Amino acid sequence: MHCVCASGRAYSLPPHTPVRHVYRHGKQFNTIQNLKDATKDEWDAITEVELKTLVASMPNRVIEVIQKNGGETNYL
C-alpha cells in the first residue's frame, strides 16, 4: 500500500501494520465510527509477542532510517 504524507513524499506501509489490514481488499467504510471500530479491532488483534518483537527491532530501524536520510527501508 502506497501513501503520501503531508510533505508530499510517497511511502509504503509495512505489510503488518494495522492500517494496512483495515483497508485490505479495498474496503470502504460508510461512517467514521465504522472506520474507528475496524482500526481498534486490528490494534486489539496484535499479540504481546508481536509488540515485543517490534519494540526490540526499533533501534536497528531507527539507524536504517538515519542512514537512508528518511528514505525507504528494508522493514518487512
PDB file of N, CA and C in Angstrom:
ATOM      1  N   MET A   1       0.854  -1.161   0.000  1.00  0.00           N
ATOM      2  CA  MET A   1       0.000   0.000   0.000  1.00  0.00           C
ATOM      3  C   MET A   1       0.903   1.227   0.000  1.00  0.00           C
ATOM      4  N   HIS A   2       0.705   2.106  -0.956  1.00  0.00           N
ATOM      5  CA  HIS A   2       1.494   3.328  -1.036  1.00  0.00           C
ATOM      6  C   HIS A   2       0.659   4.496  -0.547  1.00  0.00           C
ATOM      7  N   CYS A   3       1.277   5.362   0.231  1.00  0.00           N
ATOM      8  CA  CYS A   3       0.614   6.537   0.785  1.00  0.00           C
ATOM      9  C   CYS A   3       1.475   7.755   0.509  1.00  0.00           C
ATOM     10  N   VAL A   4       0.907   8.914   0.694  1.00  0.00           N
ATOM     11  CA  VAL A   4       1.655  10.157   0.553  1.00  0.00           C
ATOM     12  C   VAL A   4       1.470  10.940   1.842  1.00  0.00           C
ATOM     13  N   CYS A   5       2.576  11.338   2.458  1.00  0.00           N
ATOM     14  CA  CYS A   5       2.483  12.102   3.700  1.00  0.00           C
ATOM     15  C   CYS A   5       2.270  13.578   3.376  1.00  0.00           C
ATOM     16  N   ALA A   6       2.082  14.372   4.407  1.00  0.00           N
ATOM     17  CA  ALA A   6       1.772  15.794   4.237  1.00  0.00           C
ATOM     18  C   ALA A   6       2.835  16.535   3.447  1.00  0.00           C
ATOM     19  N   SER A   7       4.093  16.083   3.527  1.00  0.00           N
ATOM     20  CA  SER A   7       5.163  16.763   2.805  1.00  0.00           C
ATOM     21  C   SER A   7       5.153  16.442   1.314  1.00  0.00           C
ATOM     22  N   GLY A   8       4.304  15.480   0.919  1.00  0.00           N
ATOM     23  CA  GLY A   8       4.247  15.090  -0.480  1.00  0.00           C
ATOM     24  C   GLY A   8       5.129  13.897  -0.804  1.00  0.00           C
ATOM     25  N   ARG A   9       5.906  13.417   0.156  1.00  0.00           N
ATOM     26  CA  ARG A   9       6.791  12.269  -0.056  1.00  0.00           C
ATOM     27  C   ARG A   9       5.970  10.977  -0.025  1.00  0.00           C
ATOM     28  N   ALA A  10       6.152  10.126  -1.026  1.00  0.00           N
ATOM     29  CA  ALA A  10       5.455   8.846  -1.080  1.00  0.00           C
ATOM     30  C   ALA A  10       6.172   7.836  -0.192  1.00  0.00           C
ATOM     31  N   TYR A  11       5.420   6.956   0.408  1.00  0.00           N
ATOM     32  CA  TYR A  11       5.997   5.900   1.223  1.00  0.00           C
ATOM     33  C   TYR A  11       5.085   4.683   1.183  1.00  0.00           C
ATOM     34  N   SER A  12       5.622   3.536   1.582  1.00  0.00           N
ATOM     35  CA  SER A  12       4.842   2.305   1.635  1.00  0.00           C
ATOM     36  C   SER A  12       4.604   1.928   3.083  1.00  0.00           C
ATOM     37  N   LEU A  13       3.419   1.427   3.354  1.00  0.00           N
ATOM     38  CA  LEU A  13       3.138   0.933   4.695  1.00  0.00           C
ATOM     39  C   LEU A  13       3.735  -0.460   4.849  1.00  0.00           C
ATOM     40  N   PRO A  14       4.314  -0.757   5.994  1.00  0.00           N
ATOM     41  CA  PRO A  14       4.811  -2.109   6.237  1.00  0.00           C
ATOM     42  C   PRO A  14       3.660  -3.108   6.128  1.00  0.00           C
ATOM     43  N   PRO A  15       3.953  -4.339   5.713  1.00  0.00           N
ATOM     44  CA  PRO A  15       2.886  -5.318   5.473  1.00  0.00           C
ATOM     45  C   PRO A  15       2.095  -5.707   6.710  1.00  0.00           C
ATOM     46  N   HIS A  16       2.639  -5.529   7.905  1.00  0.00           N
ATOM     47  CA  HIS A  16       1.937  -5.987   9.103  1.00  0.00           C
ATOM     48  C   HIS A  16       1.326  -4.851   9.915  1.00  0.00           C
ATOM     49  N   THR A  17       1.254  -3.668   9.365  1.00  0.00           N
ATOM     50  CA  THR A  17       0.673  -2.555  10.102  1.00  0.00           C
ATOM     51  C   THR A  17      -0.851  -2.689  10.151  1.00  0.00           C
ATOM     52  N   PRO A  18      -1.460  -2.382  11.287  1.00  0.00           N
ATOM     53  CA  PRO A  18      -2.915  -2.498  11.375  1.00  0.00           C
ATOM     54  C   PRO A  18      -3.653  -1.663  10.341  1.00  0.00           C
ATOM     55  N   VAL A  19      -3.113  -0.524   9.967  1.00  0.00           N
ATOM     56  CA  VAL A  19      -3.774   0.314   8.962  1.00  0.00           C
ATOM     57  C   VAL A  19      -3.926  -0.447   7.653  1.00  0.00           C
ATOM     58  N   ARG A  20      -2.897  -1.189   7.278  1.00  0.00           N
ATOM     59  CA  ARG A  20      -2.962  -1.968   6.046  1.00  0.00           C
ATOM     60  C   ARG A  20      -4.090  -2.982   6.120  1.00  0.00           C
ATOM     61  N   HIS A  21      -4.261  -3.614   7.266  1.00  0.00           N
ATOM     62  CA  HIS A  21      -5.305  -4.626   7.414  1.00  0.00           C
ATOM     63  C   HIS A  21      -6.699  -4.021   7.405  1.00  0.00           C
ATOM     64  N   VAL A  22      -6.836  -2.816   7.932  1.00  0.00           N
ATOM     65  CA  VAL A  22      -8.141  -2.149   7.934  1.00  0.00           C
ATOM     66  C   VAL A  22      -8.618  -1.923   6.505  1.00  0.00           C
ATOM     67  N   TYR A  23      -7.706  -1.597   5.601  1.00  0.00           N
ATOM     68  CA  TYR A  23      -8.076  -1.283   4.219  1.00  0.00           C
ATOM     69  C   TYR A  23      -7.868  -2.440   3.255  1.00  0.00           C
ATOM     70  N   ARG A  24      -7.625  -3.648   3.763  1.00  0.00           N
ATOM     71  CA  ARG A  24      -7.385  -4.789   2.864  1.00  0.00           C
ATOM     72  C   ARG A  24      -8.571  -4.967   1.911  1.00  0.00           C
ATOM     73  N   HIS A  25      -8.258  -5.421   0.739  1.00  0.00           N
ATOM     74  CA  HIS A  25      -9.239  -5.676  -0.318  1.00  0.00           C
ATOM     75  C   HIS A  25     -10.008  -4.418  -0.716  1.00  0.00           C
ATOM     76  N   GLY A  26      -9.393  -3.251  -0.510  1.00  0.00           N
ATOM     77  CA  GLY A  26     -10.022  -2.002  -0.925  1.00  0.00           C
ATOM     78  C   GLY A  26     -11.282  -1.657  -0.135  1.00  0.00           C
ATOM     79  N   LYS A  27     -11.378  -2.175   1.079  1.00  0.00           N
ATOM     80  CA  LYS A  27     -12.578  -1.960   1.898  1.00  0.00           C
ATOM     81  C   LYS A  27     -12.834  -0.469   2.108  1.00  0.00           C
ATOM     82  N   GLN A  28     -14.088  -0.098   1.982  1.00  0.00           N
ATOM     83  CA  GLN A  28     -14.528   1.268   2.243  1.00  0.00           C
ATOM     84  C   GLN A  28     -15.447   1.244   3.460  1.00  0.00           C
ATOM     85  N   PHE A  29     -15.505   2.335   4.190  1.00  0.00           N
ATOM     86  CA  PHE A  29     -16.331   2.420   5.379  1.00  0.00           C
ATOM     87  C   PHE A  29     -17.404   3.478   5.191  1.00  0.00           C
ATOM     88  N   ASN A  30     -18.603   3.173   5.660  1.00  0.00           N
ATOM     89  CA  ASN A  30     -19.730   4.086   5.490  1.00  0.00           C
ATOM     90  C   ASN A  30     -19.726   5.225   6.491  1.00  0.00           C
ATOM     91  N   THR A  31     -19.126   4.998   7.653  1.00  0.00           N
ATOM     92  CA  THR A  31     -19.100   6.043   8.670  1.00  0.00           C
ATOM     93  C   THR A  31     -17.714   6.096   9.309  1.00  0.00           C
ATOM     94  N   ILE A  32     -17.428   7.210   9.922  1.00  0.00           N
ATOM     95  CA  ILE A  32     -16.166   7.347  10.649  1.00  0.00           C
ATOM     96  C   ILE A  32     -16.131   6.353  11.801  1.00  0.00           C
ATOM     97  N   GLN A  33     -17.265   6.122  12.432  1.00  0.00           N
ATOM     98  CA  GLN A  33     -17.308   5.166  13.550  1.00  0.00           C
ATOM     99  C   GLN A  33     -16.963   3.759  13.077  1.00  0.00           C
ATOM    100  N   ASN A  34     -17.445   3.360  11.883  1.00  0.00           N
ATOM    101  CA  ASN A  34     -17.086   2.049  11.333  1.00  0.00           C
ATOM    102  C   ASN A  34     -15.579   1.942  11.132  1.00  0.00           C
ATOM    103  N   LEU A  35     -14.971   3.008  10.624  1.00  0.00           N
ATOM    104  CA  LEU A  35     -13.528   3.030  10.427  1.00  0.00           C
ATOM    105  C   LEU A  35     -12.807   2.942  11.771  1.00  0.00           C
ATOM    106  N   LYS A  36     -13.260   3.711  12.752  1.00  0.00           N
ATOM    107  CA  LYS A  36     -12.650   3.667  14.088  1.00  0.00           C
ATOM    108  C   LYS A  36     -12.756   2.269  14.690  1.00  0.00           C
ATOM    109  N   ASP A  37     -13.917   1.650  14.558  1.00  0.00           N
ATOM    110  CA  ASP A  37     -14.116   0.310  15.111  1.00  0.00           C
ATOM    111  C   ASP A  37     -13.195  -0.705  14.441  1.00  0.00           C
ATOM    112  N   ALA A  38     -13.081  -0.637  13.117  1.00  0.00           N
ATOM    113  CA  ALA A  38     -12.212  -1.570  12.398  1.00  0.00           C
ATOM    114  C   ALA A  38     -10.757  -1.363  12.784  1.00  0.00           C
ATOM    115  N   THR A  39     -10.343  -0.112  12.942  1.00  0.00           N
ATOM    116  CA  THR A  39      -8.971   0.185  13.347  1.00  0.00           C
ATOM    117  C   THR A  39      -8.699  -0.353  14.746  1.00  0.00           C
ATOM    118  N   LYS A  40      -9.620  -0.139  15.671  1.00  0.00           N
ATOM    119  CA  LYS A  40      -9.455  -0.641  17.039  1.00  0.00           C
ATOM    120  C   LYS A  40      -9.383  -2.163  17.056  1.00  0.00           C
ATOM    121  N   ASP A  41     -10.228  -2.813  16.276  1.00  0.00           N
ATOM    122  CA  ASP A  41     -10.208  -4.276  16.209  1.00  0.00           C
ATOM    123  C   ASP A  41      -8.853  -4.792  15.745  1.00  0.00           C
ATOM    124  N   GLU A  42      -8.272  -4.128  14.746  1.00  0.00           N
ATOM    125  CA  GLU A  42      -6.962  -4.557  14.242  1.00  0.00           C
ATOM    126  C   GLU A  42      -5.870  -4.335  15.279  1.00  0.00           C
ATOM    127  N   TRP A  43      -5.891  -3.190  15.952  1.00  0.00           N
ATOM    128  CA  TRP A  43      -4.899  -2.930  17.002  1.00  0.00           C
ATOM    129  C   TRP A  43      -5.033  -3.942  18.128  1.00  0.00           C
ATOM    130  N   ASP A  44      -6.273  -4.267  18.499  1.00  0.00           N
ATOM    131  CA  ASP A  44      -6.504  -5.227  19.580  1.00  0.00           C
ATOM    132  C   ASP A  44      -6.040  -6.636  19.214  1.00  0.00           C
ATOM    133  N   ALA A  45      -5.950  -6.927  17.931  1.00  0.00           N
ATOM    134  CA  ALA A  45      -5.544  -8.261  17.478  1.00  0.00           C
ATOM    135  C   ALA A  45      -4.031  -8.473  17.548  1.00  0.00           C
ATOM    136  N   ILE A  46      -3.266  -7.413  17.756  1.00  0.00           N
ATOM    137  CA  ILE A  46      -1.808  -7.545  17.838  1.00  0.00           C
ATOM    138  C   ILE A  46      -1.456  -8.216  19.164  1.00  0.00           C
ATOM    139  N   THR A  47      -0.640  -9.261  19.082  1.00  0.00           N
ATOM    140  CA  THR A  47      -0.275 -10.002  20.290  1.00  0.00           C
ATOM    141  C   THR A  47       0.867  -9.319  21.039  1.00  0.00           C
ATOM    142  N   GLU A  48       1.026  -9.685  22.296  1.00  0.00           N
ATOM    143  CA  GLU A  48       2.117  -9.145  23.099  1.00  0.00           C
ATOM    144  C   GLU A  48       3.468  -9.541  22.515  1.00  0.00           C
ATOM    145  N   VAL A  49       3.568 -10.754  21.983  1.00  0.00           N
ATOM    146  CA  VAL A  49       4.817 -11.210  21.367  1.00  0.00           C
ATOM    147  C   VAL A  49       5.159 -10.335  20.155  1.00  0.00           C
ATOM    148  N   GLU A  50       4.156 -10.027  19.326  1.00  0.00           N
ATOM    149  CA  GLU A  50       4.396  -9.162  18.167  1.00  0.00           C
ATOM    150  C   GLU A  50       4.875  -7.785  18.604  1.00  0.00           C
ATOM    151  N   LEU A  51       4.242  -7.234  19.627  1.00  0.00           N
ATOM    152  CA  LEU A  51       4.652  -5.918  20.123  1.00  0.00           C
ATOM    153  C   LEU A  51       6.082  -5.939  20.645  1.00  0.00           C
ATOM    154  N   LYS A  52       6.437  -6.959  21.413  1.00  0.00           N
ATOM    155  CA  LYS A  52       7.797  -7.059  21.951  1.00  0.00           C
ATOM    156  C   LYS A  52       8.819  -7.202  20.826  1.00  0.00           C
ATOM    157  N   THR A  53       8.474  -7.951  19.790  1.00  0.00           N
ATOM    158  CA  THR A  53       9.371  -8.111  18.640  1.00  0.00           C
ATOM    159  C   THR A  53       9.589  -6.774  17.938  1.00  0.00           C
ATOM    160  N   LEU A  54       8.504  -6.022  17.751  1.00  0.00           N
ATOM    161  CA  LEU A  54       8.614  -4.715  17.098  1.00  0.00           C
ATOM    162  C   LEU A  54       9.443  -3.742  17.934  1.00  0.00           C
ATOM    163  N   VAL A  55       9.207  -3.720  19.240  1.00  0.00           N
ATOM    164  CA  VAL A  55       9.962  -2.829  20.123  1.00  0.00           C
ATOM    165  C   VAL A  55      11.448  -3.187  20.081  1.00  0.00           C
ATOM    166  N   ALA A  56      11.756  -4.475  20.120  1.00  0.00           N
ATOM    167  CA  ALA A  56      13.157  -4.909  20.105  1.00  0.00           C
ATOM    168  C   ALA A  56      13.859  -4.537  18.797  1.00  0.00           C
ATOM    169  N   SER A  57      13.101  -4.428  17.711  1.00  0.00           N
ATOM    170  CA  SER A  57      13.707  -4.113  16.412  1.00  0.00           C
ATOM    171  C   SER A  57      13.874  -2.614  16.169  1.00  0.00           C
ATOM    172  N   MET A  58      13.302  -1.774  17.020  1.00  0.00           N
ATOM    173  CA  MET A  58      13.324  -0.330  16.786  1.00  0.00           C
ATOM    174  C   MET A  58      14.718   0.291  16.675  1.00  0.00           C
ATOM    175  N   PRO A  59      15.679  -0.052  17.537  1.00  0.00           N
ATOM    176  CA  PRO A  59      16.998   0.577  17.386  1.00  0.00           C
ATOM    177  C   PRO A  59      17.592   0.380  15.988  1.00  0.00           C
ATOM    178  N   ASN A  60      17.479  -0.833  15.460  1.00  0.00           N
ATOM    179  CA  ASN A  60      18.015  -1.086  14.114  1.00  0.00           C
ATOM    180  C   ASN A  60      17.234  -0.338  13.044  1.00  0.00           C
ATOM    181  N   ARG A  61      15.936  -0.220  13.221  1.00  0.00           N
ATOM    182  CA  ARG A  61      15.119   0.510  12.247  1.00  0.00           C
ATOM    183  C   ARG A  61      15.466   1.997  12.237  1.00  0.00           C
ATOM    184  N   VAL A  62      15.635   2.555  13.421  1.00  0.00           N
ATOM    185  CA  VAL A  62      15.983   3.975  13.511  1.00  0.00           C
ATOM    186  C   VAL A  62      17.323   4.231  12.833  1.00  0.00           C
ATOM    187  N   ILE A  63      18.286   3.374  13.082  1.00  0.00           N
ATOM    188  CA  ILE A  63      19.601   3.511  12.442  1.00  0.00           C
ATOM    189  C   ILE A  63      19.448   3.467  10.926  1.00  0.00           C
ATOM    190  N   GLU A  64      18.650   2.522  10.420  1.00  0.00           N
ATOM    191  CA  GLU A  64      18.462   2.407   8.974  1.00  0.00           C
ATOM    192  C   GLU A  64      17.793   3.651   8.383  1.00  0.00           C
ATOM    193  N   VAL A  65      16.806   4.197   9.076  1.00  0.00           N
ATOM    194  CA  VAL A  65      16.142   5.420   8.606  1.00  0.00           C
ATOM    195  C   VAL A  65      17.146   6.571   8.533  1.00  0.00           C
ATOM    196  N   ILE A  66      17.979   6.687   9.564  1.00  0.00           N
ATOM    197  CA  ILE A  66      19.000   7.741   9.571  1.00  0.00           C
ATOM    198  C   ILE A  66      19.978   7.545   8.427  1.00  0.00           C
ATOM    199  N   GLN A  67      20.448   6.319   8.234  1.00  0.00           N
ATOM    200  CA  GLN A  67      21.400   6.032   7.159  1.00  0.00           C
ATOM    201  C   GLN A  67      20.819   6.317   5.782  1.00  0.00           C
ATOM    202  N   LYS A  68      19.506   6.161   5.630  1.00  0.00           N
ATOM    203  CA  LYS A  68      18.862   6.380   4.332  1.00  0.00           C
ATOM    204  C   LYS A  68      18.206   7.756   4.245  1.00  0.00           C
ATOM    205  N   ASN A  69      18.590   8.650   5.173  1.00  0.00           N
ATOM    206  CA  ASN A  69      18.074  10.017   5.182  1.00  0.00           C
ATOM    207  C   ASN A  69      16.540  10.063   5.098  1.00  0.00           C
ATOM    208  N   GLY A  70      15.910   9.169   5.830  1.00  0.00           N
ATOM    209  CA  GLY A  70      14.451   9.147   5.857  1.00  0.00           C
ATOM    210  C   GLY A  70      13.814   8.420   4.687  1.00  0.00           C
ATOM    211  N   GLY A  71      14.619   7.839   3.819  1.00  0.00           N
ATOM    212  CA  GLY A  71      14.087   7.124   2.651  1.00  0.00           C
ATOM    213  C   GLY A  71      13.545   5.754   3.010  1.00  0.00           C
ATOM    214  N   GLU A  72      13.212   4.995   1.995  1.00  0.00           N
ATOM    215  CA  GLU A  72      12.614   3.668   2.159  1.00  0.00           C
ATOM    216  C   GLU A  72      13.591   2.722   2.850  1.00  0.00           C
ATOM    217  N   THR A  73      13.066   1.925   3.762  1.00  0.00           N
ATOM    218  CA  THR A  73      13.883   0.956   4.493  1.00  0.00           C
ATOM    219  C   THR A  73      13.523  -0.463   4.078  1.00  0.00           C
ATOM    220  N   ASN A  74      14.264  -1.410   4.608  1.00  0.00           N
ATOM    221  CA  ASN A  74      14.027  -2.820   4.278  1.00  0.00           C
ATOM    222  C   ASN A  74      13.078  -3.497   5.261  1.00  0.00           C
ATOM    223  N   TYR A  75      12.336  -2.730   6.023  1.00  0.00           N
ATOM    224  CA  TYR A  75      11.433  -3.295   7.005  1.00  0.00           C
ATOM    225  C   TYR A  75      10.388  -4.184   6.340  1.00  0.00           C
ATOM    226  N   LEU A  76      10.200  -5.360   6.886  1.00  0.00           N
ATOM    227  CA  LEU A  76       9.150  -6.272   6.392  1.00  0.00           C
ATOM    228  C   LEU A  76       8.268  -6.612   7.521  1.00  0.00           C
TER     229      LEU A  76
END
